[in-house]
Amino acid sequence: MIKPITMILADDHGVVREGVAAFCQTTHPEITIVGQCDNGEEAVQMILSQRPDFAVVDLNMPKMNGLEVVRRVRQAQCETHLVILSINRDENTIRELFRSGADGYVLKDGPARHLFDAINYIQDGGQYLTPLLRRESIEKTKDVKDPVTLLSRREYEVFSFLVDGMRPKDIAKILEISPKTVDTYRANIMRKLEVDGIAGLVKFAIMRNLKSAAEGPPN
């Protein structure tokens, strides 16, 4: 059974809000839109009063921009997942959004499925950066020396299973996620580790003598 999700949409363009809402209704009936607004101040009020599972927030809105929305919501210790929807590709802006507490970043000019990939990925404990931005921002939010420490626990599990030669559909069954989500993890892992293909992942693991998924990622 698919877990129900509540969502708020905040964008100053009605066509965007209506498009996302219509797409949810026709292809993702588990998602219920519980509120819509066209400015940042109302977005914060709505998020804090309703505490939805997700809020999809435009970066550039009247009265308060998406970055400030993220900051206000996190200052209020609200755990609503925040996904930023924008056309902005500036890596400094994206980096600051993640640093401030955003959970995902999706480009408006990308395919609609990226938004729902983000929702699945975030629900599973990750931070989502659209694959249309190859190396920008999210991996730069942490000051690390070894790229493997950029991986979340779930990413490290998927990484270890891939290195062990498991197929995505088998990994999906073990972790109780969809094969599509496994593919998203795989793409993010390769981007973070800066390797190409499964052979590159295997070589990366051998060179670092990495531990199994059960042991978790190195500290």
N, C-alpha and C. Protein backbone atom coordinates (compact mmCIF):
# COMPACT_ATOMS: atom_id res chain seq x y z
N MET A 1 0.84 -1.20 0.00
CA MET A 1 0.00 0.00 0.00
C MET A 1 0.88 1.25 0.00
N ILE A 2 0.55 2.22 -0.86
CA ILE A 2 1.32 3.44 -0.97
C ILE A 2 0.92 4.39 0.16
N LYS A 3 1.91 4.93 0.85
CA LYS A 3 1.64 5.82 1.96
C LYS A 3 1.09 7.15 1.47
N PRO A 4 -0.02 7.62 2.06
CA PRO A 4 -0.58 8.93 1.66
C PRO A 4 0.40 10.06 2.00
N ILE A 5 0.40 11.09 1.17
CA ILE A 5 1.28 12.24 1.33
C ILE A 5 0.46 13.51 1.25
N THR A 6 0.66 14.43 2.18
CA THR A 6 0.03 15.75 2.10
C THR A 6 1.05 16.76 1.58
N MET A 7 0.58 17.70 0.78
CA MET A 7 1.52 18.62 0.13
C MET A 7 0.91 20.01 -0.01
N ILE A 8 1.77 21.01 0.13
CA ILE A 8 1.42 22.40 -0.13
C ILE A 8 2.22 22.88 -1.33
N LEU A 9 1.60 23.67 -2.20
CA LEU A 9 2.26 24.22 -3.38
C LEU A 9 2.35 25.74 -3.23
N ALA A 10 3.57 26.28 -3.34
CA ALA A 10 3.78 27.72 -3.23
C ALA A 10 4.53 28.21 -4.46
N ASP A 11 3.83 28.94 -5.33
CA ASP A 11 4.43 29.46 -6.56
C ASP A 11 3.57 30.62 -7.03
N ASP A 12 4.21 31.70 -7.47
CA ASP A 12 3.44 32.87 -7.89
C ASP A 12 2.87 32.73 -9.30
N HIS A 13 3.13 31.61 -9.95
CA HIS A 13 2.54 31.34 -11.25
C HIS A 13 1.45 30.27 -11.09
N GLY A 14 0.22 30.69 -11.31
CA GLY A 14 -0.90 29.77 -11.14
C GLY A 14 -0.81 28.55 -12.03
N VAL A 15 -0.28 28.75 -13.24
CA VAL A 15 -0.20 27.63 -14.18
C VAL A 15 0.72 26.53 -13.65
N VAL A 16 1.77 26.92 -12.91
CA VAL A 16 2.67 25.93 -12.33
C VAL A 16 1.96 25.15 -11.23
N ARG A 17 1.31 25.88 -10.32
CA ARG A 17 0.58 25.21 -9.24
C ARG A 17 -0.48 24.28 -9.78
N GLU A 18 -1.25 24.78 -10.72
CA GLU A 18 -2.34 23.97 -11.27
C GLU A 18 -1.80 22.77 -12.03
N GLY A 19 -0.66 22.96 -12.71
CA GLY A 19 -0.06 21.85 -13.45
C GLY A 19 0.42 20.75 -12.53
N VAL A 20 1.10 21.13 -11.44
CA VAL A 20 1.58 20.13 -10.48
C VAL A 20 0.40 19.44 -9.82
N ALA A 21 -0.62 20.21 -9.43
CA ALA A 21 -1.79 19.64 -8.78
C ALA A 21 -2.51 18.65 -9.70
N ALA A 22 -2.65 19.02 -10.97
CA ALA A 22 -3.32 18.14 -11.93
C ALA A 22 -2.52 16.87 -12.17
N PHE A 23 -1.20 17.00 -12.24
CA PHE A 23 -0.35 15.83 -12.46
C PHE A 23 -0.44 14.88 -11.27
N CYS A 24 -0.47 15.45 -10.06
CA CYS A 24 -0.62 14.61 -8.87
C CYS A 24 -1.94 13.85 -8.90
N GLN A 25 -2.99 14.56 -9.26
CA GLN A 25 -4.33 13.96 -9.25
C GLN A 25 -4.44 12.80 -10.23
N THR A 26 -3.80 12.94 -11.40
CA THR A 26 -3.95 11.92 -12.43
C THR A 26 -2.94 10.77 -12.32
N THR A 27 -1.74 11.05 -11.81
CA THR A 27 -0.71 10.02 -11.80
C THR A 27 -0.22 9.62 -10.41
N HIS A 28 -0.49 10.45 -9.39
CA HIS A 28 -0.03 10.14 -8.03
C HIS A 28 -1.17 10.40 -7.04
N PRO A 29 -2.21 9.56 -7.08
CA PRO A 29 -3.37 9.79 -6.21
C PRO A 29 -3.06 9.69 -4.72
N GLU A 30 -1.88 9.17 -4.37
CA GLU A 30 -1.51 9.11 -2.96
C GLU A 30 -1.17 10.49 -2.41
N ILE A 31 -0.96 11.47 -3.30
CA ILE A 31 -0.61 12.83 -2.89
C ILE A 31 -1.87 13.69 -2.85
N THR A 32 -2.10 14.32 -1.70
CA THR A 32 -3.23 15.23 -1.54
C THR A 32 -2.70 16.66 -1.37
N ILE A 33 -3.12 17.55 -2.25
CA ILE A 33 -2.74 18.96 -2.14
C ILE A 33 -3.65 19.60 -1.10
N VAL A 34 -3.07 20.03 0.02
CA VAL A 34 -3.87 20.57 1.12
C VAL A 34 -3.84 22.10 1.17
N GLY A 35 -3.08 22.72 0.27
CA GLY A 35 -3.05 24.17 0.24
C GLY A 35 -2.20 24.69 -0.91
N GLN A 36 -2.56 25.87 -1.41
CA GLN A 36 -1.80 26.54 -2.44
C GLN A 36 -1.70 28.03 -2.11
N CYS A 37 -0.58 28.64 -2.49
CA CYS A 37 -0.43 30.08 -2.27
C CYS A 37 0.54 30.65 -3.30
N ASP A 38 0.60 31.98 -3.38
CA ASP A 38 1.40 32.61 -4.42
C ASP A 38 2.48 33.55 -3.88
N ASN A 39 2.78 33.47 -2.58
CA ASN A 39 3.85 34.31 -2.04
C ASN A 39 4.50 33.63 -0.84
N GLY A 40 5.71 34.07 -0.50
CA GLY A 40 6.49 33.41 0.52
C GLY A 40 5.93 33.54 1.92
N GLU A 41 5.39 34.72 2.25
CA GLU A 41 4.86 34.91 3.60
C GLU A 41 3.69 33.95 3.87
N GLU A 42 2.80 33.85 2.90
CA GLU A 42 1.67 32.94 3.06
C GLU A 42 2.14 31.49 3.09
N ALA A 43 3.20 31.19 2.34
CA ALA A 43 3.74 29.83 2.33
C ALA A 43 4.21 29.43 3.72
N VAL A 44 4.95 30.31 4.39
CA VAL A 44 5.43 30.00 5.74
C VAL A 44 4.25 29.79 6.69
N GLN A 45 3.27 30.69 6.64
CA GLN A 45 2.11 30.57 7.52
C GLN A 45 1.36 29.25 7.28
N MET A 46 1.20 28.90 6.01
CA MET A 46 0.47 27.70 5.66
C MET A 46 1.22 26.45 6.09
N ILE A 47 2.53 26.44 5.87
CA ILE A 47 3.34 25.28 6.24
C ILE A 47 3.34 25.07 7.76
N LEU A 48 3.51 26.16 8.50
CA LEU A 48 3.60 26.04 9.96
C LEU A 48 2.25 25.71 10.59
N SER A 49 1.17 26.12 9.97
CA SER A 49 -0.14 25.83 10.54
C SER A 49 -0.64 24.43 10.17
N GLN A 50 -0.31 23.96 8.96
CA GLN A 50 -0.81 22.67 8.51
C GLN A 50 0.19 21.53 8.65
N ARG A 51 1.49 21.86 8.73
CA ARG A 51 2.53 20.84 8.87
C ARG A 51 2.35 19.68 7.88
N PRO A 52 2.34 19.97 6.58
CA PRO A 52 2.18 18.89 5.59
C PRO A 52 3.45 18.05 5.51
N ASP A 53 3.34 16.91 4.85
CA ASP A 53 4.53 16.07 4.66
C ASP A 53 5.54 16.77 3.76
N PHE A 54 5.05 17.44 2.72
CA PHE A 54 5.92 18.12 1.75
C PHE A 54 5.38 19.51 1.43
N ALA A 55 6.31 20.41 1.11
CA ALA A 55 5.95 21.70 0.53
C ALA A 55 6.85 21.91 -0.68
N VAL A 56 6.23 22.17 -1.82
CA VAL A 56 6.97 22.48 -3.05
C VAL A 56 6.96 23.99 -3.19
N VAL A 57 8.14 24.60 -3.12
CA VAL A 57 8.25 26.05 -2.99
C VAL A 57 9.06 26.65 -4.14
N ASP A 58 8.51 27.65 -4.79
CA ASP A 58 9.23 28.38 -5.83
C ASP A 58 10.34 29.19 -5.18
N LEU A 59 11.47 29.32 -5.86
CA LEU A 59 12.58 30.08 -5.30
C LEU A 59 12.30 31.58 -5.32
N ASN A 60 11.72 32.08 -6.41
CA ASN A 60 11.48 33.52 -6.55
C ASN A 60 9.99 33.82 -6.44
N MET A 61 9.59 34.34 -5.27
CA MET A 61 8.19 34.67 -5.02
C MET A 61 8.09 36.06 -4.40
N PRO A 62 6.94 36.71 -4.53
CA PRO A 62 6.74 38.01 -3.87
C PRO A 62 6.77 37.88 -2.35
N LYS A 63 7.09 38.97 -1.67
CA LYS A 63 7.05 39.12 -0.21
C LYS A 63 8.15 38.36 0.52
N MET A 64 8.47 37.16 0.05
CA MET A 64 9.54 36.40 0.68
C MET A 64 9.99 35.32 -0.30
N ASN A 65 11.30 35.22 -0.55
CA ASN A 65 11.76 34.22 -1.52
C ASN A 65 11.86 32.83 -0.89
N GLY A 66 12.11 31.84 -1.73
CA GLY A 66 12.14 30.47 -1.26
C GLY A 66 13.21 30.18 -0.23
N LEU A 67 14.36 30.84 -0.36
CA LEU A 67 15.43 30.64 0.61
C LEU A 67 14.99 31.09 2.00
N GLU A 68 14.35 32.24 2.07
CA GLU A 68 13.89 32.73 3.37
C GLU A 68 12.76 31.87 3.92
N VAL A 69 11.93 31.33 3.03
CA VAL A 69 10.89 30.38 3.47
C VAL A 69 11.54 29.18 4.16
N VAL A 70 12.57 28.64 3.54
CA VAL A 70 13.28 27.50 4.12
C VAL A 70 13.82 27.86 5.49
N ARG A 71 14.46 29.01 5.59
CA ARG A 71 15.04 29.43 6.87
C ARG A 71 13.99 29.59 7.95
N ARG A 72 12.86 30.22 7.63
CA ARG A 72 11.81 30.46 8.62
C ARG A 72 11.20 29.14 9.09
N VAL A 73 10.96 28.25 8.14
CA VAL A 73 10.35 26.96 8.49
C VAL A 73 11.29 26.15 9.38
N ARG A 74 12.57 26.15 9.06
CA ARG A 74 13.52 25.38 9.87
C ARG A 74 13.75 26.03 11.24
N GLN A 75 13.72 27.35 11.30
CA GLN A 75 13.85 28.03 12.58
C GLN A 75 12.70 27.68 13.51
N ALA A 76 11.55 27.40 12.92
CA ALA A 76 10.38 27.01 13.70
C ALA A 76 10.38 25.51 14.03
N GLN A 77 11.46 24.83 13.66
CA GLN A 77 11.63 23.40 13.93
C GLN A 77 10.50 22.56 13.33
N CYS A 78 10.05 23.00 12.17
CA CYS A 78 9.03 22.24 11.43
C CYS A 78 9.73 21.21 10.54
N GLU A 79 9.24 19.98 10.56
CA GLU A 79 9.90 18.89 9.85
C GLU A 79 9.33 18.64 8.45
N THR A 80 8.45 19.51 7.98
CA THR A 80 7.94 19.37 6.62
C THR A 80 9.10 19.31 5.63
N HIS A 81 9.06 18.37 4.70
CA HIS A 81 10.10 18.28 3.68
C HIS A 81 9.92 19.42 2.68
N LEU A 82 10.99 20.13 2.40
CA LEU A 82 10.93 21.30 1.54
C LEU A 82 11.65 21.04 0.22
N VAL A 83 10.91 21.10 -0.87
CA VAL A 83 11.47 20.90 -2.21
C VAL A 83 11.38 22.23 -2.95
N ILE A 84 12.52 22.73 -3.41
CA ILE A 84 12.57 23.98 -4.15
C ILE A 84 12.41 23.71 -5.64
N LEU A 85 11.52 24.46 -6.26
CA LEU A 85 11.27 24.34 -7.70
C LEU A 85 11.66 25.66 -8.35
N SER A 86 12.60 25.61 -9.30
CA SER A 86 13.14 26.86 -9.84
C SER A 86 13.77 26.65 -11.21
N ILE A 87 14.07 27.77 -11.89
CA ILE A 87 14.86 27.71 -13.12
C ILE A 87 16.30 28.13 -12.84
N ASN A 88 16.59 28.51 -11.61
CA ASN A 88 17.90 29.01 -11.22
C ASN A 88 18.92 27.87 -11.16
N ARG A 89 20.07 28.04 -11.82
CA ARG A 89 21.11 27.02 -11.83
C ARG A 89 22.38 27.48 -11.10
N ASP A 90 22.28 28.58 -10.37
CA ASP A 90 23.45 29.12 -9.68
C ASP A 90 23.84 28.22 -8.52
N GLU A 91 25.07 27.71 -8.54
CA GLU A 91 25.48 26.74 -7.54
C GLU A 91 25.58 27.33 -6.15
N ASN A 92 25.92 28.61 -6.03
CA ASN A 92 25.99 29.22 -4.71
C ASN A 92 24.61 29.30 -4.06
N THR A 93 23.61 29.63 -4.86
CA THR A 93 22.24 29.69 -4.36
C THR A 93 21.77 28.31 -3.92
N ILE A 94 22.05 27.32 -4.74
CA ILE A 94 21.62 25.96 -4.43
C ILE A 94 22.32 25.46 -3.18
N ARG A 95 23.60 25.74 -3.08
CA ARG A 95 24.36 25.33 -1.90
C ARG A 95 23.78 25.95 -0.62
N GLU A 96 23.41 27.22 -0.68
CA GLU A 96 22.86 27.90 0.48
C GLU A 96 21.48 27.34 0.84
N LEU A 97 20.71 26.96 -0.14
CA LEU A 97 19.40 26.35 0.11
C LEU A 97 19.54 25.06 0.91
N PHE A 98 20.46 24.20 0.48
CA PHE A 98 20.66 22.94 1.20
C PHE A 98 21.25 23.19 2.59
N ARG A 99 22.13 24.15 2.68
CA ARG A 99 22.73 24.47 3.98
C ARG A 99 21.66 24.98 4.95
N SER A 100 20.66 25.66 4.41
CA SER A 100 19.61 26.24 5.26
C SER A 100 18.53 25.23 5.63
N GLY A 101 18.52 24.07 4.96
CA GLY A 101 17.57 23.03 5.35
C GLY A 101 16.64 22.53 4.28
N ALA A 102 16.86 22.92 3.01
CA ALA A 102 16.04 22.36 1.93
C ALA A 102 16.35 20.87 1.77
N ASP A 103 15.35 20.12 1.35
CA ASP A 103 15.52 18.67 1.16
C ASP A 103 15.72 18.29 -0.30
N GLY A 104 15.30 19.17 -1.21
CA GLY A 104 15.42 18.83 -2.61
C GLY A 104 15.41 20.06 -3.50
N TYR A 105 15.99 19.91 -4.70
CA TYR A 105 16.05 21.01 -5.67
C TYR A 105 15.73 20.44 -7.04
N VAL A 106 14.65 20.96 -7.65
CA VAL A 106 14.17 20.46 -8.94
C VAL A 106 14.04 21.63 -9.90
N LEU A 107 14.51 21.44 -11.12
CA LEU A 107 14.41 22.49 -12.14
C LEU A 107 13.05 22.47 -12.83
N LYS A 108 12.50 23.66 -13.03
CA LYS A 108 11.19 23.76 -13.69
C LYS A 108 11.24 23.31 -15.14
N ASP A 109 12.40 23.44 -15.77
CA ASP A 109 12.48 23.07 -17.18
C ASP A 109 12.85 21.60 -17.37
N GLY A 110 12.87 20.84 -16.29
CA GLY A 110 13.11 19.40 -16.37
C GLY A 110 11.81 18.64 -16.48
N PRO A 111 11.87 17.32 -16.65
CA PRO A 111 10.66 16.50 -16.74
C PRO A 111 9.92 16.45 -15.40
N ALA A 112 8.60 16.31 -15.46
CA ALA A 112 7.78 16.30 -14.25
C ALA A 112 8.16 15.17 -13.31
N ARG A 113 8.66 14.06 -13.88
CA ARG A 113 9.00 12.91 -13.04
C ARG A 113 10.09 13.23 -12.04
N HIS A 114 10.92 14.24 -12.32
CA HIS A 114 11.98 14.58 -11.38
C HIS A 114 11.42 15.04 -10.04
N LEU A 115 10.28 15.72 -10.06
CA LEU A 115 9.66 16.15 -8.80
C LEU A 115 9.25 14.94 -7.98
N PHE A 116 8.72 13.93 -8.63
CA PHE A 116 8.26 12.76 -7.90
C PHE A 116 9.41 11.81 -7.57
N ASP A 117 10.47 11.85 -8.36
CA ASP A 117 11.70 11.16 -7.96
C ASP A 117 12.22 11.78 -6.65
N ALA A 118 12.14 13.12 -6.59
CA ALA A 118 12.60 13.82 -5.39
C ALA A 118 11.80 13.41 -4.17
N ILE A 119 10.49 13.33 -4.32
CA ILE A 119 9.63 12.95 -3.19
C ILE A 119 9.98 11.56 -2.69
N ASN A 120 10.13 10.61 -3.61
CA ASN A 120 10.48 9.24 -3.22
C ASN A 120 11.85 9.19 -2.54
N TYR A 121 12.79 9.92 -3.10
CA TYR A 121 14.16 9.90 -2.58
C TYR A 121 14.22 10.52 -1.19
N ILE A 122 13.54 11.63 -1.01
CA ILE A 122 13.53 12.32 0.27
C ILE A 122 12.82 11.49 1.33
N GLN A 123 11.72 10.85 0.96
CA GLN A 123 11.02 9.99 1.91
C GLN A 123 11.92 8.87 2.42
N ASP A 124 12.86 8.49 1.59
CA ASP A 124 13.75 7.39 1.95
C ASP A 124 14.99 7.88 2.70
N GLY A 125 15.01 9.16 3.03
CA GLY A 125 16.07 9.69 3.88
C GLY A 125 17.17 10.45 3.17
N GLY A 126 17.05 10.70 1.88
CA GLY A 126 18.11 11.39 1.15
C GLY A 126 17.78 12.84 0.86
N GLN A 127 18.77 13.57 0.34
CA GLN A 127 18.59 14.90 -0.21
C GLN A 127 18.66 14.77 -1.72
N TYR A 128 17.72 15.42 -2.42
CA TYR A 128 17.63 15.24 -3.86
C TYR A 128 18.08 16.48 -4.61
N LEU A 129 19.00 16.28 -5.53
CA LEU A 129 19.41 17.32 -6.47
C LEU A 129 19.12 16.82 -7.87
N THR A 130 18.36 17.60 -8.64
CA THR A 130 18.01 17.18 -9.99
C THR A 130 19.24 16.72 -10.77
N PRO A 131 19.16 15.63 -11.50
CA PRO A 131 20.30 15.15 -12.28
C PRO A 131 20.69 16.09 -13.41
N LEU A 132 19.86 17.10 -13.69
CA LEU A 132 20.21 18.07 -14.72
C LEU A 132 21.33 19.00 -14.27
N LEU A 133 21.61 19.00 -12.96
CA LEU A 133 22.74 19.77 -12.43
C LEU A 133 23.79 18.76 -12.00
N ARG A 134 24.83 18.59 -12.77
CA ARG A 134 25.72 17.44 -12.63
C ARG A 134 26.52 17.42 -11.34
N ARG A 135 27.19 18.49 -10.99
CA ARG A 135 28.06 18.44 -9.81
C ARG A 135 27.85 19.63 -8.89
N GLU A 136 26.71 20.26 -9.01
CA GLU A 136 26.51 21.51 -8.30
C GLU A 136 25.95 21.27 -6.90
N SER A 137 26.50 21.98 -5.96
CA SER A 137 25.91 22.33 -4.69
C SER A 137 25.82 21.28 -3.60
N ILE A 138 25.05 20.22 -3.78
CA ILE A 138 24.73 19.42 -2.62
C ILE A 138 25.97 18.79 -1.99
N GLU A 139 26.92 18.34 -2.85
CA GLU A 139 28.13 17.74 -2.30
C GLU A 139 29.06 18.79 -1.72
N LYS A 140 28.80 20.08 -1.98
CA LYS A 140 29.65 21.14 -1.46
C LYS A 140 29.15 21.68 -0.12
N THR A 141 28.06 21.13 0.39
CA THR A 141 27.52 21.62 1.65
C THR A 141 28.30 21.07 2.83
N LYS A 142 29.18 20.12 2.61
CA LYS A 142 29.95 19.55 3.69
C LYS A 142 31.44 19.69 3.40
N ASP A 143 32.21 19.95 4.43
CA ASP A 143 33.66 20.08 4.28
C ASP A 143 34.28 18.72 4.54
N VAL A 144 34.52 17.96 3.47
CA VAL A 144 35.00 16.60 3.62
C VAL A 144 36.21 16.37 2.74
N LYS A 145 37.03 15.39 3.11
CA LYS A 145 38.21 15.05 2.33
C LYS A 145 37.95 13.83 1.46
N ASP A 146 37.17 12.88 1.95
CA ASP A 146 36.89 11.67 1.21
C ASP A 146 35.46 11.72 0.68
N PRO A 147 35.27 11.60 -0.63
CA PRO A 147 33.92 11.72 -1.19
C PRO A 147 32.94 10.68 -0.68
N VAL A 148 33.42 9.54 -0.16
CA VAL A 148 32.50 8.51 0.32
C VAL A 148 31.70 9.02 1.52
N THR A 149 32.24 10.00 2.25
CA THR A 149 31.51 10.53 3.40
C THR A 149 30.36 11.43 2.98
N LEU A 150 30.24 11.70 1.67
CA LEU A 150 29.09 12.44 1.16
C LEU A 150 27.86 11.56 1.05
N LEU A 151 28.05 10.25 1.11
CA LEU A 151 26.94 9.33 0.94
C LEU A 151 26.15 9.19 2.24
N SER A 152 24.81 9.18 2.11
CA SER A 152 23.96 8.88 3.25
C SER A 152 24.04 7.37 3.52
N ARG A 153 23.49 6.93 4.65
CA ARG A 153 23.52 5.50 4.96
C ARG A 153 22.82 4.70 3.87
N ARG A 154 21.67 5.17 3.39
CA ARG A 154 20.95 4.42 2.36
C ARG A 154 21.73 4.41 1.05
N GLU A 155 22.36 5.52 0.71
CA GLU A 155 23.19 5.55 -0.50
C GLU A 155 24.35 4.57 -0.38
N TYR A 156 24.92 4.48 0.82
CA TYR A 156 26.03 3.55 1.01
C TYR A 156 25.56 2.10 0.89
N GLU A 157 24.36 1.83 1.36
CA GLU A 157 23.80 0.48 1.22
C GLU A 157 23.64 0.13 -0.26
N VAL A 158 23.05 1.05 -1.02
CA VAL A 158 22.87 0.80 -2.46
C VAL A 158 24.21 0.65 -3.14
N PHE A 159 25.15 1.51 -2.80
CA PHE A 159 26.51 1.44 -3.34
C PHE A 159 27.12 0.06 -3.09
N SER A 160 27.01 -0.44 -1.86
CA SER A 160 27.61 -1.73 -1.50
C SER A 160 26.95 -2.88 -2.26
N PHE A 161 25.63 -2.83 -2.39
CA PHE A 161 24.94 -3.89 -3.12
C PHE A 161 25.32 -3.87 -4.60
N LEU A 162 25.47 -2.69 -5.17
CA LEU A 162 25.88 -2.58 -6.58
C LEU A 162 27.28 -3.14 -6.77
N VAL A 163 28.17 -2.80 -5.85
CA VAL A 163 29.55 -3.30 -5.92
C VAL A 163 29.58 -4.83 -5.81
N ASP A 164 28.65 -5.37 -5.02
CA ASP A 164 28.56 -6.83 -4.86
C ASP A 164 27.93 -7.51 -6.07
N GLY A 165 27.51 -6.72 -7.07
CA GLY A 165 26.98 -7.30 -8.30
C GLY A 165 25.49 -7.52 -8.31
N MET A 166 24.77 -6.97 -7.34
CA MET A 166 23.32 -7.17 -7.30
C MET A 166 22.62 -6.30 -8.33
N ARG A 167 21.51 -6.82 -8.84
CA ARG A 167 20.72 -6.08 -9.81
C ARG A 167 19.82 -5.07 -9.09
N PRO A 168 19.50 -3.96 -9.75
CA PRO A 168 18.65 -2.94 -9.12
C PRO A 168 17.33 -3.50 -8.61
N LYS A 169 16.70 -4.41 -9.36
CA LYS A 169 15.41 -4.93 -8.90
C LYS A 169 15.55 -5.77 -7.64
N ASP A 170 16.71 -6.44 -7.48
CA ASP A 170 16.95 -7.22 -6.26
C ASP A 170 17.25 -6.30 -5.08
N ILE A 171 17.99 -5.23 -5.36
CA ILE A 171 18.26 -4.24 -4.31
C ILE A 171 16.96 -3.60 -3.85
N ALA A 172 16.11 -3.28 -4.81
CA ALA A 172 14.82 -2.66 -4.49
C ALA A 172 13.99 -3.57 -3.58
N LYS A 173 14.02 -4.84 -3.86
CA LYS A 173 13.24 -5.79 -3.05
C LYS A 173 13.77 -5.86 -1.63
N ILE A 174 15.09 -5.90 -1.47
CA ILE A 174 15.70 -5.98 -0.14
C ILE A 174 15.41 -4.72 0.67
N LEU A 175 15.53 -3.55 0.03
CA LEU A 175 15.37 -2.29 0.74
C LEU A 175 13.92 -1.81 0.78
N GLU A 176 13.04 -2.54 0.08
CA GLU A 176 11.61 -2.22 0.04
C GLU A 176 11.37 -0.82 -0.55
N ILE A 177 12.07 -0.58 -1.67
CA ILE A 177 11.87 0.64 -2.43
C ILE A 177 11.68 0.25 -3.89
N SER A 178 11.36 1.20 -4.75
CA SER A 178 11.14 0.87 -6.15
C SER A 178 12.46 0.81 -6.91
N PRO A 179 12.53 0.01 -7.99
CA PRO A 179 13.73 -0.02 -8.83
C PRO A 179 14.08 1.37 -9.37
N LYS A 180 13.07 2.19 -9.62
CA LYS A 180 13.30 3.54 -10.10
C LYS A 180 14.05 4.36 -9.05
N THR A 181 13.70 4.17 -7.78
CA THR A 181 14.40 4.87 -6.71
C THR A 181 15.84 4.40 -6.61
N VAL A 182 16.05 3.11 -6.82
CA VAL A 182 17.42 2.57 -6.82
C VAL A 182 18.23 3.24 -7.93
N ASP A 183 17.61 3.41 -9.10
CA ASP A 183 18.32 4.07 -10.22
C ASP A 183 18.67 5.51 -9.86
N THR A 184 17.79 6.19 -9.15
CA THR A 184 18.08 7.56 -8.73
C THR A 184 19.24 7.57 -7.75
N TYR A 185 19.24 6.63 -6.79
CA TYR A 185 20.36 6.51 -5.86
C TYR A 185 21.66 6.27 -6.63
N ARG A 186 21.62 5.35 -7.58
CA ARG A 186 22.82 5.01 -8.34
C ARG A 186 23.39 6.24 -9.06
N ALA A 187 22.51 7.03 -9.68
CA ALA A 187 22.97 8.23 -10.38
C ALA A 187 23.60 9.23 -9.41
N ASN A 188 22.97 9.40 -8.25
CA ASN A 188 23.51 10.34 -7.26
C ASN A 188 24.84 9.85 -6.69
N ILE A 189 24.94 8.55 -6.46
CA ILE A 189 26.18 7.96 -5.93
C ILE A 189 27.33 8.20 -6.91
N MET A 190 27.08 7.94 -8.18
CA MET A 190 28.12 8.11 -9.19
C MET A 190 28.54 9.56 -9.32
N ARG A 191 27.56 10.47 -9.18
CA ARG A 191 27.89 11.88 -9.25
C ARG A 191 28.75 12.29 -8.06
N LYS A 192 28.36 11.86 -6.86
CA LYS A 192 29.09 12.24 -5.65
C LYS A 192 30.50 11.65 -5.63
N LEU A 193 30.64 10.40 -6.10
CA LEU A 193 31.95 9.75 -6.08
C LEU A 193 32.77 10.06 -7.32
N GLU A 194 32.12 10.72 -8.31
CA GLU A 194 32.78 11.09 -9.56
C GLU A 194 33.34 9.87 -10.29
N VAL A 195 32.49 8.87 -10.43
CA VAL A 195 32.87 7.67 -11.18
C VAL A 195 31.81 7.40 -12.24
N ASP A 196 32.19 6.62 -13.23
CA ASP A 196 31.27 6.24 -14.30
C ASP A 196 31.07 4.74 -14.31
N GLY A 197 29.82 4.30 -14.23
CA GLY A 197 29.51 2.89 -14.38
C GLY A 197 29.82 2.05 -13.14
N ILE A 198 29.29 0.81 -13.18
CA ILE A 198 29.48 -0.12 -12.07
C ILE A 198 30.95 -0.47 -11.90
N ALA A 199 31.68 -0.59 -13.01
CA ALA A 199 33.11 -0.92 -12.93
C ALA A 199 33.85 0.17 -12.14
N GLY A 200 33.44 1.43 -12.35
CA GLY A 200 34.06 2.51 -11.61
C GLY A 200 33.77 2.43 -10.12
N LEU A 201 32.55 2.02 -9.78
CA LEU A 201 32.18 1.86 -8.37
C LEU A 201 32.99 0.74 -7.72
N VAL A 202 33.15 -0.36 -8.46
CA VAL A 202 33.92 -1.50 -7.92
C VAL A 202 35.37 -1.09 -7.69
N LYS A 203 35.95 -0.39 -8.64
CA LYS A 203 37.33 0.06 -8.49
C LYS A 203 37.47 1.01 -7.31
N PHE A 204 36.50 1.89 -7.16
CA PHE A 204 36.50 2.85 -6.04
C PHE A 204 36.48 2.09 -4.71
N ALA A 205 35.63 1.07 -4.61
CA ALA A 205 35.51 0.30 -3.36
C ALA A 205 36.79 -0.48 -3.06
N ILE A 206 37.37 -1.09 -4.09
CA ILE A 206 38.59 -1.88 -3.90
C ILE A 206 39.74 -1.00 -3.44
N MET A 207 39.88 0.17 -4.06
CA MET A 207 40.99 1.06 -3.73
C MET A 207 40.91 1.57 -2.28
N ARG A 208 39.67 1.64 -1.75
CA ARG A 208 39.51 2.17 -0.40
C ARG A 208 39.20 1.09 0.63
N ASN A 209 39.14 -0.16 0.19
CA ASN A 209 38.86 -1.28 1.10
C ASN A 209 37.64 -0.98 1.96
N LEU A 210 36.54 -0.62 1.28
CA LEU A 210 35.35 -0.18 1.99
C LEU A 210 34.61 -1.33 2.63
N LYS A 211 33.85 -0.99 3.68
CA LYS A 211 33.12 -1.97 4.45
C LYS A 211 31.82 -2.33 3.76
N SER A 212 31.14 -3.34 4.28
CA SER A 212 29.88 -3.79 3.71
C SER A 212 28.76 -2.82 4.09
N ALA A 213 27.61 -3.00 3.44
CA ALA A 213 26.46 -2.15 3.72
C ALA A 213 25.99 -2.32 5.16
N ALA A 214 26.11 -3.53 5.69
CA ALA A 214 25.65 -3.79 7.05
C ALA A 214 26.45 -3.00 8.08
N GLU A 215 27.71 -2.74 7.78
CA GLU A 215 28.56 -2.01 8.71
C GLU A 215 28.38 -0.50 8.61
N GLY A 216 27.83 -0.05 7.47
CA GLY A 216 27.60 1.38 7.31
C GLY A 216 28.79 2.10 6.74
N PRO A 217 28.59 3.36 6.33
CA PRO A 217 29.67 4.13 5.71
C PRO A 217 30.74 4.51 6.72
N PRO A 218 31.95 4.72 6.25
CA PRO A 218 33.03 5.12 7.15
C PRO A 218 32.73 6.47 7.78
N ASN A 219 33.25 6.71 8.97
CA ASN A 219 33.06 8.00 9.64
C ASN A 219 34.11 9.00 9.13
